[in-house]
C-alpha cells in the first residue's frame, strides 16, 4: 500500500513520564558572514569547531545540507560556512544531518561516522566517533533548547548525549525491522522521538506516542519508506512523511497538505528525504534540493531544484522562530 494517498489521523494513550513509549517494535529541525577563529584539524577526534559568534537572527529562512558537507542558505538564514569553506578537503564520511542553534546564529553538521562540525556560534561538545558498533552509522543530530548540548542518534537507535542533553533511553539491543531514519527532540528538551523507515515511532521522556504506521496498518508494507517526523507545537501529535511526499497525521496534527494532494498523478524527479516544522505547517525537501512548503504563515524562499549539485541534499533545517 502506498503512502501517497493515505492520510491517517489517530491518537493513543502513552505511558507515564520518563518511560519509553513504543508504539511498535518496528522502525519508523543575522548578519551574513563567516567568523573563522580556529579549526581542530585532528580527524580522529571527530570534533571540528570553526568558532565565530553573532547574535540571534530575526526573519524567516532555512538551510539545506548536501552529502558533501555543503550548506545552502535561503531567506534570513545566515551563511556561517560549511565543510569545504572552513575545514577544507573532502569530508571524511558523507554528511547526514544539520541542526541549528536556538537563536539561529550557527549550526552543526553531522557525518555518518559520528563526527560533529560546528559553525557560527555553535560549540562542538563531542562526537560519536569510536562509540558506534561496526556497521552502525550516525543518522541524526538534535540540539537542546538551551543550545548548550545535543544528541547524536544512530541508525540502530543508539542515543549519545553531549553538554546538557540527557540520555532518556534508546533502542540498542532491540531487533528493529529497519534503520532509524530521523530523530528529533521535543521543544522542552525533556524527550525525543525516533522514527523507523517503516513508520514505527519510538517516544522517550515527554515525547508522547500518538500512533505509528505499523499500528494502524498492521501487516501492510508501504511502497515508499517513511523518512521524516515533525512534532506539533503542543507535543500532542506529529506528522510523518513518506518518500513520495504522502503525509500521515497523528494526535492533534491536522492534515495541511501533501505532494499527492497538490500534484496528483505526478512523480517527483527525486524522492522526498526529509520534513521539518515550518511555521504552522511543514517543509519537505527532495534529494535534488526541491523544496515544498506546506505552511500558510511562511513564504517559500527558494530551492535548488534544477541546480547541478556535487552531491544529493540530505537535510533541511529552518531558521528557529
C-alpha atoms as a PDB file:
ATOM      1  CA  UNK A   1       0.000   0.000   0.000  1.00  0.00           C
ATOM      2  CA  UNK A   2       1.345   3.351  -0.995  1.00  0.00           C
ATOM      3  CA  UNK A   3       1.506   6.214   1.484  1.00  0.00           C
ATOM      4  CA  UNK A   4       0.780   8.670  -1.320  1.00  0.00           C
ATOM      5  CA  UNK A   5      -2.975   8.666  -0.857  1.00  0.00           C
ATOM      6  CA  UNK A   6      -3.325   7.653   2.740  1.00  0.00           C
ATOM      7  CA  UNK A   7      -3.822  10.250   5.456  1.00  0.00           C
ATOM      8  CA  UNK A   8      -4.319   8.865   8.952  1.00  0.00           C
ATOM      9  CA  UNK A   9      -5.425  10.840  11.986  1.00  0.00           C
ATOM     10  CA  UNK A  10      -5.317   8.821  15.165  1.00  0.00           C
ATOM     11  CA  UNK A  11      -4.396   9.125  18.829  1.00  0.00           C
ATOM     12  CA  UNK A  12      -3.488   6.630  21.536  1.00  0.00           C
ATOM     13  CA  UNK A  13      -2.596   6.705  25.196  1.00  0.00           C
ATOM     14  CA  UNK A  14       1.031   6.753  26.275  1.00  0.00           C
ATOM     15  CA  UNK A  15       2.871   5.549  29.333  1.00  0.00           C
ATOM     16  CA  UNK A  16       3.967   7.521  32.354  1.00  0.00           C
ATOM     17  CA  UNK A  17       6.653  10.185  32.387  1.00  0.00           C
ATOM     18  CA  UNK A  18      10.192   9.064  31.817  1.00  0.00           C
ATOM     19  CA  UNK A  19       9.202   5.730  30.319  1.00  0.00           C
ATOM     20  CA  UNK A  20       9.772   4.606  26.764  1.00  0.00           C
ATOM     21  CA  UNK A  21       6.587   4.760  24.711  1.00  0.00           C
ATOM     22  CA  UNK A  22       6.965   2.329  21.837  1.00  0.00           C
ATOM     23  CA  UNK A  23       4.012   2.173  19.504  1.00  0.00           C
ATOM     24  CA  UNK A  24       5.609  -0.620  17.541  1.00  0.00           C
ATOM     25  CA  UNK A  25       8.704  -2.706  17.805  1.00  0.00           C
ATOM     26  CA  UNK A  26       9.360  -1.685  14.243  1.00  0.00           C
ATOM     27  CA  UNK A  27      11.107   1.362  12.825  1.00  0.00           C
ATOM     28  CA  UNK A  28       9.620   4.470  11.783  1.00  0.00           C
ATOM     29  CA  UNK A  29      14.759  20.904  12.746  1.00  0.00           C
ATOM     30  CA  UNK A  30      21.764  37.768  11.160  1.00  0.00           C
ATOM     31  CA  UNK A  31      24.164  39.036   9.774  1.00  0.00           C
ATOM     32  CA  UNK A  32      25.686  37.152   6.915  1.00  0.00           C
ATOM     33  CA  UNK A  33      29.333  36.381   7.432  1.00  0.00           C
ATOM     34  CA  UNK A  34      31.813  33.785   8.440  1.00  0.00           C
ATOM     35  CA  UNK A  35      33.905  34.316  11.548  1.00  0.00           C
ATOM     36  CA  UNK A  36      36.610  31.685  11.373  1.00  0.00           C
ATOM     37  CA  UNK A  37      38.695  31.665  14.512  1.00  0.00           C
ATOM     38  CA  UNK A  38      40.257  28.226  14.694  1.00  0.00           C
ATOM     39  CA  UNK A  39      39.831  24.696  13.459  1.00  0.00           C
ATOM     40  CA  UNK A  40      40.658  21.468  15.213  1.00  0.00           C
ATOM     41  CA  UNK A  41      42.374  19.573  12.378  1.00  0.00           C
ATOM     42  CA  UNK A  42      42.526  16.175  14.066  1.00  0.00           C
ATOM     43  CA  UNK A  43      40.150  13.853  12.176  1.00  0.00           C
ATOM     44  CA  UNK A  44      40.347  11.147  14.827  1.00  0.00           C
ATOM     45  CA  UNK A  45      38.847  13.494  17.403  1.00  0.00           C
ATOM     46  CA  UNK A  46      35.688  13.783  15.341  1.00  0.00           C
ATOM     47  CA  UNK A  47      35.049  17.318  16.597  1.00  0.00           C
ATOM     48  CA  UNK A  48      35.573  20.383  14.405  1.00  0.00           C
ATOM     49  CA  UNK A  49      34.814  23.858  15.755  1.00  0.00           C
ATOM     50  CA  UNK A  50      35.044  26.868  13.445  1.00  0.00           C
ATOM     51  CA  UNK A  51      34.229  29.231  16.310  1.00  0.00           C
ATOM     52  CA  UNK A  52      32.640  32.534  15.486  1.00  0.00           C
ATOM     53  CA  UNK A  53      29.830  34.331  17.227  1.00  0.00           C
ATOM     54  CA  UNK A  54      26.909  36.535  16.444  1.00  0.00           C
ATOM     55  CA  UNK A  55      23.586  37.482  17.937  1.00  0.00           C
ATOM     56  CA  UNK A  56      20.194  35.991  17.286  1.00  0.00           C
ATOM     57  CA  UNK A  57      18.633  36.182  13.846  1.00  0.00           C
ATOM     58  CA  UNK A  58      15.204  37.648  13.036  1.00  0.00           C
ATOM     59  CA  UNK A  59      13.225  36.604   9.985  1.00  0.00           C
ATOM     60  CA  UNK A  60      12.309  33.520   8.018  1.00  0.00           C
ATOM     61  CA  UNK A  61      14.749  31.205   6.326  1.00  0.00           C
ATOM     62  CA  UNK A  62      16.201  27.735   6.078  1.00  0.00           C
ATOM     63  CA  UNK A  63      19.392  25.876   5.300  1.00  0.00           C
ATOM     64  CA  UNK A  64      19.933  22.778   3.165  1.00  0.00           C
ATOM     65  CA  UNK A  65      22.827  20.356   3.521  1.00  0.00           C
ATOM     66  CA  UNK A  66      24.414  18.166   0.845  1.00  0.00           C
ATOM     67  CA  UNK A  67      26.180  14.849   1.404  1.00  0.00           C
ATOM     68  CA  UNK A  68      29.488  16.557   0.602  1.00  0.00           C
ATOM     69  CA  UNK A  69      29.038  18.916   3.579  1.00  0.00           C
ATOM     70  CA  UNK A  70      27.968  21.954   1.544  1.00  0.00           C
ATOM     71  CA  UNK A  71      25.385  24.255   3.212  1.00  0.00           C
ATOM     72  CA  UNK A  72      22.971  26.385   1.171  1.00  0.00           C
ATOM     73  CA  UNK A  73      21.148  29.248   2.920  1.00  0.00           C
ATOM     74  CA  UNK A  74      17.838  30.849   1.994  1.00  0.00           C
ATOM     75  CA  UNK A  75      15.997  33.901   3.289  1.00  0.00           C
ATOM     76  CA  UNK A  76      17.357  35.305   6.550  1.00  0.00           C
ATOM     77  CA  UNK A  77      19.320  32.140   7.316  1.00  0.00           C
ATOM     78  CA  UNK A  78      22.949  33.217   7.659  1.00  0.00           C
ATOM     79  CA  UNK A  79      25.964  31.826   5.832  1.00  0.00           C
ATOM     80  CA  UNK A  80      28.247  30.513   8.580  1.00  0.00           C
ATOM     81  CA  UNK A  81      30.332  28.333   6.315  1.00  0.00           C
ATOM     82  CA  UNK A  82      30.484  24.622   5.644  1.00  0.00           C
ATOM     83  CA  UNK A  83      32.943  21.777   5.374  1.00  0.00           C
ATOM     84  CA  UNK A  84      34.523  22.871   2.092  1.00  0.00           C
ATOM     85  CA  UNK A  85      34.881  26.527   3.106  1.00  0.00           C
ATOM     86  CA  UNK A  86      36.022  26.150   6.715  1.00  0.00           C
ATOM     87  CA  UNK A  87      37.601  22.724   7.114  1.00  0.00           C
ATOM     88  CA  UNK A  88      38.894  22.080   3.598  1.00  0.00           C
ATOM     89  CA  UNK A  89      39.381  18.970   1.533  1.00  0.00           C
ATOM     90  CA  UNK A  90      36.826  16.226   1.196  1.00  0.00           C
ATOM     91  CA  UNK A  91      34.578  15.350   4.080  1.00  0.00           C
ATOM     92  CA  UNK A  92      35.826  12.035   5.591  1.00  0.00           C
ATOM     93  CA  UNK A  93      32.344  10.483   5.628  1.00  0.00           C
ATOM     94  CA  UNK A  94      29.120  11.664   3.980  1.00  0.00           C
ATOM     95  CA  UNK A  95      27.229  14.392   5.795  1.00  0.00           C
ATOM     96  CA  UNK A  96      23.881  13.129   7.048  1.00  0.00           C
ATOM     97  CA  UNK A  97      22.175  15.847   9.116  1.00  0.00           C
ATOM     98  CA  UNK A  98      22.137  19.536  10.010  1.00  0.00           C
ATOM     99  CA  UNK A  99      20.858  21.211  13.209  1.00  0.00           C
ATOM    100  CA  UNK A 100      20.657  24.911  14.096  1.00  0.00           C
ATOM    101  CA  UNK A 101      21.320  26.504  17.486  1.00  0.00           C
ATOM    102  CA  UNK A 102      18.192  28.026  19.085  1.00  0.00           C
ATOM    103  CA  UNK A 103      18.875  31.657  18.117  1.00  0.00           C
ATOM    104  CA  UNK A 104      19.807  30.813  14.528  1.00  0.00           C
ATOM    105  CA  UNK A 105      23.378  32.108  14.830  1.00  0.00           C
ATOM    106  CA  UNK A 106      25.084  28.836  13.978  1.00  0.00           C
ATOM    107  CA  UNK A 107      24.611  25.182  13.131  1.00  0.00           C
ATOM    108  CA  UNK A 108      26.077  21.709  13.375  1.00  0.00           C
ATOM    109  CA  UNK A 109      26.838  19.227  10.606  1.00  0.00           C
ATOM    110  CA  UNK A 110      26.869  15.517  11.439  1.00  0.00           C
ATOM    111  CA  UNK A 111      28.511  12.895   9.230  1.00  0.00           C
ATOM    112  CA  UNK A 112      27.760   9.178   9.096  1.00  0.00           C
ATOM    113  CA  UNK A 113      30.843   8.322  11.198  1.00  0.00           C
ATOM    114  CA  UNK A 114      29.509  10.499  14.012  1.00  0.00           C
ATOM    115  CA  UNK A 115      31.852  13.481  13.543  1.00  0.00           C
ATOM    116  CA  UNK A 116      30.357  16.812  14.551  1.00  0.00           C
ATOM    117  CA  UNK A 117      31.287  20.065  12.782  1.00  0.00           C
ATOM    118  CA  UNK A 118      30.284  23.338  14.460  1.00  0.00           C
ATOM    119  CA  UNK A 119      29.808  26.638  12.593  1.00  0.00           C
ATOM    120  CA  UNK A 120      28.950  30.162  13.670  1.00  0.00           C
ATOM    121  CA  UNK A 121      28.126  30.314  17.386  1.00  0.00           C
ATOM    122  CA  UNK A 122      27.614  26.541  17.630  1.00  0.00           C
ATOM    123  CA  UNK A 123      30.061  24.895  20.050  1.00  0.00           C
ATOM    124  CA  UNK A 124      31.301  21.369  19.359  1.00  0.00           C
ATOM    125  CA  UNK A 125      30.989  19.341  22.560  1.00  0.00           C
ATOM    126  CA  UNK A 126      31.927  15.863  21.413  1.00  0.00           C
ATOM    127  CA  UNK A 127      31.388  13.292  18.702  1.00  0.00           C
ATOM    128  CA  UNK A 128      30.189   9.718  18.322  1.00  0.00           C
ATOM    129  CA  UNK A 129      33.452   8.552  16.762  1.00  0.00           C
ATOM    130  CA  UNK A 130      34.541   5.352  18.480  1.00  0.00           C
ATOM    131  CA  UNK A 131      31.153   4.919  20.147  1.00  0.00           C
ATOM    132  CA  UNK A 132      29.332   3.152  17.321  1.00  0.00           C
ATOM    133  CA  UNK A 133      29.418  -0.572  16.576  1.00  0.00           C
ATOM    134  CA  UNK A 134      30.823  -1.985  13.344  1.00  0.00           C
ATOM    135  CA  UNK A 135      28.376  -1.230  10.547  1.00  0.00           C
ATOM    136  CA  UNK A 136      26.446   1.287  12.650  1.00  0.00           C
ATOM    137  CA  UNK A 137      26.159   4.846  11.354  1.00  0.00           C
ATOM    138  CA  UNK A 138      25.152   8.211  12.810  1.00  0.00           C
ATOM    139  CA  UNK A 139      21.757   9.240  11.471  1.00  0.00           C
ATOM    140  CA  UNK A 140      20.626  12.476  13.139  1.00  0.00           C
ATOM    141  CA  UNK A 141      21.587  15.307  15.482  1.00  0.00           C
ATOM    142  CA  UNK A 142      19.233  17.421  17.610  1.00  0.00           C
ATOM    143  CA  UNK A 143      20.149  20.476  19.699  1.00  0.00           C
ATOM    144  CA  UNK A 144      18.865  21.117  23.238  1.00  0.00           C
ATOM    145  CA  UNK A 145      16.607  24.169  23.827  1.00  0.00           C
ATOM    146  CA  UNK A 146      19.430  25.966  25.643  1.00  0.00           C
ATOM    147  CA  UNK A 147      21.879  25.435  22.797  1.00  0.00           C
ATOM    148  CA  UNK A 148      24.368  24.037  25.303  1.00  0.00           C
ATOM    149  CA  UNK A 149      24.172  20.439  24.182  1.00  0.00           C
ATOM    150  CA  UNK A 150      22.974  18.000  21.559  1.00  0.00           C
ATOM    151  CA  UNK A 151      22.077  14.402  20.939  1.00  0.00           C
ATOM    152  CA  UNK A 152      23.562  12.186  18.231  1.00  0.00           C
ATOM    153  CA  UNK A 153      21.277   9.341  17.134  1.00  0.00           C
ATOM    154  CA  UNK A 154      22.374   6.259  15.194  1.00  0.00           C
ATOM    155  CA  UNK A 155      20.561   4.146  12.626  1.00  0.00           C
ATOM    156  CA  UNK A 156      20.272   1.399  15.271  1.00  0.00           C
ATOM    157  CA  UNK A 157      18.577   3.685  17.771  1.00  0.00           C
ATOM    158  CA  UNK A 158      21.619   4.494  19.893  1.00  0.00           C
ATOM    159  CA  UNK A 159      21.465   7.865  21.677  1.00  0.00           C
ATOM    160  CA  UNK A 160      24.671   9.707  22.605  1.00  0.00           C
ATOM    161  CA  UNK A 161      24.158  12.954  24.566  1.00  0.00           C
ATOM    162  CA  UNK A 162      26.616  15.855  24.873  1.00  0.00           C
ATOM    163  CA  UNK A 163      26.606  19.001  27.013  1.00  0.00           C
ATOM    164  CA  UNK A 164      23.296  19.440  28.841  1.00  0.00           C
ATOM    165  CA  UNK A 165      21.496  16.822  26.707  1.00  0.00           C
ATOM    166  CA  UNK A 166      20.209  13.933  28.850  1.00  0.00           C
ATOM    167  CA  UNK A 167      20.060  10.266  27.948  1.00  0.00           C
ATOM    168  CA  UNK A 168      16.394   9.267  28.257  1.00  0.00           C
ATOM    169  CA  UNK A 169      16.580   5.793  26.754  1.00  0.00           C
ATOM    170  CA  UNK A 170      17.384   4.191  23.431  1.00  0.00           C
ATOM    171  CA  UNK A 171      16.697   1.174  21.214  1.00  0.00           C
ATOM    172  CA  UNK A 172      20.052  -0.571  21.449  1.00  0.00           C
ATOM    173  CA  UNK A 173      19.595  -4.326  21.645  1.00  0.00           C
ATOM    174  CA  UNK A 174      16.161  -4.365  20.007  1.00  0.00           C
ATOM    175  CA  UNK A 175      15.650  -6.307  16.788  1.00  0.00           C
ATOM    176  CA  UNK A 176      14.436  -3.425  14.645  1.00  0.00           C
ATOM    177  CA  UNK A 177      12.688  -4.034  11.339  1.00  0.00           C
ATOM    178  CA  UNK A 178      14.754  -1.359   9.625  1.00  0.00           C
ATOM    179  CA  UNK A 179      17.030   1.587  10.331  1.00  0.00           C
ATOM    180  CA  UNK A 180      16.195   4.683  12.315  1.00  0.00           C
ATOM    181  CA  UNK A 181      15.993   7.412   9.695  1.00  0.00           C
ATOM    182  CA  UNK A 182      15.004  10.505  11.685  1.00  0.00           C
ATOM    183  CA  UNK A 183      15.148  11.707  15.281  1.00  0.00           C
ATOM    184  CA  UNK A 184      14.003  14.951  16.871  1.00  0.00           C
ATOM    185  CA  UNK A 185      13.894  16.353  20.402  1.00  0.00           C
ATOM    186  CA  UNK A 186      10.739  17.814  21.929  1.00  0.00           C
ATOM    187  CA  UNK A 187      10.515  21.572  22.485  1.00  0.00           C
ATOM    188  CA  UNK A 188      11.143  21.135  26.210  1.00  0.00           C
ATOM    189  CA  UNK A 189      14.323  19.120  25.684  1.00  0.00           C
ATOM    190  CA  UNK A 190      12.934  16.514  28.064  1.00  0.00           C
ATOM    191  CA  UNK A 191      12.215  13.948  25.399  1.00  0.00           C
ATOM    192  CA  UNK A 192      12.857  12.814  21.856  1.00  0.00           C
ATOM    193  CA  UNK A 193      11.338  10.773  19.072  1.00  0.00           C
ATOM    194  CA  UNK A 194      13.000   8.234  16.825  1.00  0.00           C
ATOM    195  CA  UNK A 195      11.437   7.189  13.532  1.00  0.00           C
ATOM    196  CA  UNK A 196      11.952   3.935  11.655  1.00  0.00           C
ATOM    197  CA  UNK A 197      11.823   3.603   7.898  1.00  0.00           C
ATOM    198  CA  UNK A 198       8.616   1.520   8.161  1.00  0.00           C
ATOM    199  CA  UNK A 199       6.849   4.303  10.054  1.00  0.00           C
ATOM    200  CA  UNK A 200       7.455   2.930  13.532  1.00  0.00           C
ATOM    201  CA  UNK A 201       7.559   5.701  16.147  1.00  0.00           C
ATOM    202  CA  UNK A 202       9.521   5.491  19.396  1.00  0.00           C
ATOM    203  CA  UNK A 203       8.984   8.125  22.084  1.00  0.00           C
ATOM    204  CA  UNK A 204      11.196   8.764  25.113  1.00  0.00           C
ATOM    205  CA  UNK A 205      10.800  11.179  28.030  1.00  0.00           C
ATOM    206  CA  UNK A 206       7.955  13.609  27.337  1.00  0.00           C
ATOM    207  CA  UNK A 207       7.770  12.643  23.660  1.00  0.00           C
ATOM    208  CA  UNK A 208       4.214  11.295  23.663  1.00  0.00           C
ATOM    209  CA  UNK A 209       3.416   8.315  21.477  1.00  0.00           C
ATOM    210  CA  UNK A 210       0.315   9.002  19.365  1.00  0.00           C
ATOM    211  CA  UNK A 211       0.432   6.196  16.849  1.00  0.00           C
ATOM    212  CA  UNK A 212       2.530   4.677  14.087  1.00  0.00           C
ATOM    213  CA  UNK A 213       2.126   3.236  10.606  1.00  0.00           C
ATOM    214  CA  UNK A 214       2.514  -0.436  11.651  1.00  0.00           C
ATOM    215  CA  UNK A 215      -0.015   0.129  14.430  1.00  0.00           C
ATOM    216  CA  UNK A 216      -2.778   1.467  12.193  1.00  0.00           C
ATOM    217  CA  UNK A 217      -1.827  -0.580   9.124  1.00  0.00           C
ATOM    218  CA  UNK A 218      -0.672  -3.880  10.622  1.00  0.00           C
ATOM    219  CA  UNK A 219       0.980  -6.213   8.157  1.00  0.00           C
ATOM    220  CA  UNK A 220       0.983  -3.596   5.390  1.00  0.00           C
ATOM    221  CA  UNK A 221       4.250  -2.794   3.641  1.00  0.00           C
ATOM    222  CA  UNK A 222       4.342   0.720   2.233  1.00  0.00           C
ATOM    223  CA  UNK A 223       5.506   1.233  -1.329  1.00  0.00           C
ATOM    224  CA  UNK A 224       7.666   4.123  -0.135  1.00  0.00           C
ATOM    225  CA  UNK A 225       9.633   4.273   3.124  1.00  0.00           C
ATOM    226  CA  UNK A 226       8.842   6.873   5.776  1.00  0.00           C
ATOM    227  CA  UNK A 227      11.590   9.494   6.011  1.00  0.00           C
ATOM    228  CA  UNK A 228      10.604  12.237   8.452  1.00  0.00           C
ATOM    229  CA  UNK A 229       8.720  13.101  11.657  1.00  0.00           C
ATOM    230  CA  UNK A 230       7.600  16.571  12.785  1.00  0.00           C
ATOM    231  CA  UNK A 231       6.011  17.066  16.246  1.00  0.00           C
ATOM    232  CA  UNK A 232       3.191  19.575  16.634  1.00  0.00           C
ATOM    233  CA  UNK A 233       3.840  22.671  18.808  1.00  0.00           C
ATOM    234  CA  UNK A 234       1.619  21.221  21.559  1.00  0.00           C
ATOM    235  CA  UNK A 235       3.625  17.976  21.700  1.00  0.00           C
ATOM    236  CA  UNK A 236       0.319  16.124  21.373  1.00  0.00           C
ATOM    237  CA  UNK A 237       0.761  14.883  17.854  1.00  0.00           C
ATOM    238  CA  UNK A 238       3.072  14.610  14.870  1.00  0.00           C
ATOM    239  CA  UNK A 239       3.253  14.249  11.142  1.00  0.00           C
ATOM    240  CA  UNK A 240       5.098  11.509   9.261  1.00  0.00           C
ATOM    241  CA  UNK A 241       6.114  11.826   5.622  1.00  0.00           C
ATOM    242  CA  UNK A 242       6.885   9.147   3.060  1.00  0.00           C
ATOM    243  CA  UNK A 243       9.493   9.420   0.340  1.00  0.00           C
ATOM    244  CA  UNK A 244       6.686  10.124  -2.153  1.00  0.00           C
ATOM    245  CA  UNK A 245       5.509  13.124  -0.111  1.00  0.00           C
ATOM    246  CA  UNK A 246       2.494  11.340   1.359  1.00  0.00           C
ATOM    247  CA  UNK A 247       1.659  12.615   4.847  1.00  0.00           C
ATOM    248  CA  UNK A 248       0.304  10.717   7.862  1.00  0.00           C
ATOM    249  CA  UNK A 249      -1.150  12.791  10.738  1.00  0.00           C
ATOM    250  CA  UNK A 250      -1.413  11.564  14.337  1.00  0.00           C
ATOM    251  CA  UNK A 251      -2.804  13.069  17.542  1.00  0.00           C
ATOM    252  CA  UNK A 252      -3.649  16.761  17.159  1.00  0.00           C
ATOM    253  CA  UNK A 253      -1.670  17.096  13.931  1.00  0.00           C
ATOM    254  CA  UNK A 254      -4.074  18.419  11.332  1.00  0.00           C
ATOM    255  CA  UNK A 255      -3.552  17.474   7.718  1.00  0.00           C
ATOM    256  CA  UNK A 256      -2.237  20.573   5.935  1.00  0.00           C
ATOM    257  CA  UNK A 257      -1.168  19.094   2.636  1.00  0.00           C
ATOM    258  CA  UNK A 258       0.924  16.507   0.803  1.00  0.00           C
ATOM    259  CA  UNK A 259       2.623  16.089  -2.569  1.00  0.00           C
ATOM    260  CA  UNK A 260      -0.003  13.652  -3.928  1.00  0.00           C
ATOM    261  CA  UNK A 261      -2.769  16.030  -2.837  1.00  0.00           C
ATOM    262  CA  UNK A 262      -1.357  19.071  -4.662  1.00  0.00           C
ATOM    263  CA  UNK A 263       0.303  17.191  -7.540  1.00  0.00           C
ATOM    264  CA  UNK A 264      -1.996  14.213  -8.166  1.00  0.00           C
ATOM    265  CA  UNK A 265      -0.530  11.647 -10.517  1.00  0.00           C
ATOM    266  CA  UNK A 266       2.840  13.423 -10.641  1.00  0.00           C
ATOM    267  CA  UNK A 267       6.038  11.506  -9.960  1.00  0.00           C
ATOM    268  CA  UNK A 268       8.749  13.669  -8.434  1.00  0.00           C
ATOM    269  CA  UNK A 269      12.136  13.895 -10.142  1.00  0.00           C
ATOM    270  CA  UNK A 270      13.740  12.726  -6.871  1.00  0.00           C
ATOM    271  CA  UNK A 271      12.154  11.281  -3.724  1.00  0.00           C
ATOM    272  CA  UNK A 272      11.399  13.295  -0.605  1.00  0.00           C
ATOM    273  CA  UNK A 273      14.095  12.662   2.012  1.00  0.00           C
ATOM    274  CA  UNK A 274      13.002  14.786   4.951  1.00  0.00           C
ATOM    275  CA  UNK A 275      10.479  17.102   6.555  1.00  0.00           C
ATOM    276  CA  UNK A 276      10.833  19.767   9.270  1.00  0.00           C
ATOM    277  CA  UNK A 277       8.495  22.073  11.170  1.00  0.00           C
ATOM    278  CA  UNK A 278       7.962  25.367   9.375  1.00  0.00           C
ATOM    279  CA  UNK A 279       5.537  27.976  10.662  1.00  0.00           C
ATOM    280  CA  UNK A 280       2.080  26.466  11.094  1.00  0.00           C
ATOM    281  CA  UNK A 281       2.942  23.559   8.846  1.00  0.00           C
ATOM    282  CA  UNK A 282       5.992  21.834   7.479  1.00  0.00           C
ATOM    283  CA  UNK A 283       8.671  21.969   4.817  1.00  0.00           C
ATOM    284  CA  UNK A 284       9.691  18.983   2.680  1.00  0.00           C
ATOM    285  CA  UNK A 285      12.882  18.531   0.700  1.00  0.00           C
ATOM    286  CA  UNK A 286      13.911  16.102  -2.019  1.00  0.00           C
ATOM    287  CA  UNK A 287      17.300  14.596  -2.867  1.00  0.00           C
ATOM    288  CA  UNK A 288      17.725  17.096  -5.737  1.00  0.00           C
ATOM    289  CA  UNK A 289      17.111  20.110  -3.479  1.00  0.00           C
ATOM    290  CA  UNK A 290      13.468  20.588  -4.365  1.00  0.00           C
ATOM    291  CA  UNK A 291      11.545  22.348  -1.569  1.00  0.00           C
ATOM    292  CA  UNK A 292       7.822  22.007  -0.870  1.00  0.00           C
ATOM    293  CA  UNK A 293       6.242  24.468   1.581  1.00  0.00           C
ATOM    294  CA  UNK A 294       3.071  23.476   3.433  1.00  0.00           C
ATOM    295  CA  UNK A 295       2.817  26.459   5.780  1.00  0.00           C
ATOM    296  CA  UNK A 296       0.372  29.313   5.277  1.00  0.00           C
ATOM    297  CA  UNK A 297       2.218  31.765   7.521  1.00  0.00           C
ATOM    298  CA  UNK A 298       5.701  31.465   5.987  1.00  0.00           C
ATOM    299  CA  UNK A 299       6.834  32.022   2.423  1.00  0.00           C
ATOM    300  CA  UNK A 300       8.628  29.727   0.041  1.00  0.00           C
ATOM    301  CA  UNK A 301      12.152  31.186  -0.063  1.00  0.00           C
ATOM    302  CA  UNK A 302      13.810  29.195  -2.791  1.00  0.00           C
ATOM    303  CA  UNK A 303      15.124  25.761  -3.642  1.00  0.00           C
ATOM    304  CA  UNK A 304      17.910  24.012  -5.514  1.00  0.00           C
ATOM    305  CA  UNK A 305      15.626  22.253  -7.951  1.00  0.00           C
ATOM    306  CA  UNK A 306      17.234  22.337 -11.381  1.00  0.00           C
ATOM    307  CA  UNK A 307      20.641  23.222  -9.911  1.00  0.00           C
ATOM    308  CA  UNK A 308      23.588  20.972 -10.690  1.00  0.00           C
ATOM    309  CA  UNK A 309      24.806  19.684  -7.331  1.00  0.00           C
ATOM    310  CA  UNK A 310      28.001  17.845  -6.468  1.00  0.00           C
ATOM    311  CA  UNK A 311      26.068  15.509  -4.159  1.00  0.00           C
ATOM    312  CA  UNK A 312      22.480  14.891  -3.045  1.00  0.00           C
ATOM    313  CA  UNK A 313      20.702  17.056  -0.489  1.00  0.00           C
ATOM    314  CA  UNK A 314      20.424  15.109   2.766  1.00  0.00           C
ATOM    315  CA  UNK A 315      18.799  17.561   5.173  1.00  0.00           C
ATOM    316  CA  UNK A 316      16.991  20.822   5.753  1.00  0.00           C
ATOM    317  CA  UNK A 317      16.598  22.921   8.908  1.00  0.00           C
ATOM    318  CA  UNK A 318      14.513  26.085   9.346  1.00  0.00           C
ATOM    319  CA  UNK A 319      15.719  29.268  10.980  1.00  0.00           C
ATOM    320  CA  UNK A 320      14.342  28.954  14.544  1.00  0.00           C
ATOM    321  CA  UNK A 321      11.357  31.172  15.264  1.00  0.00           C
END
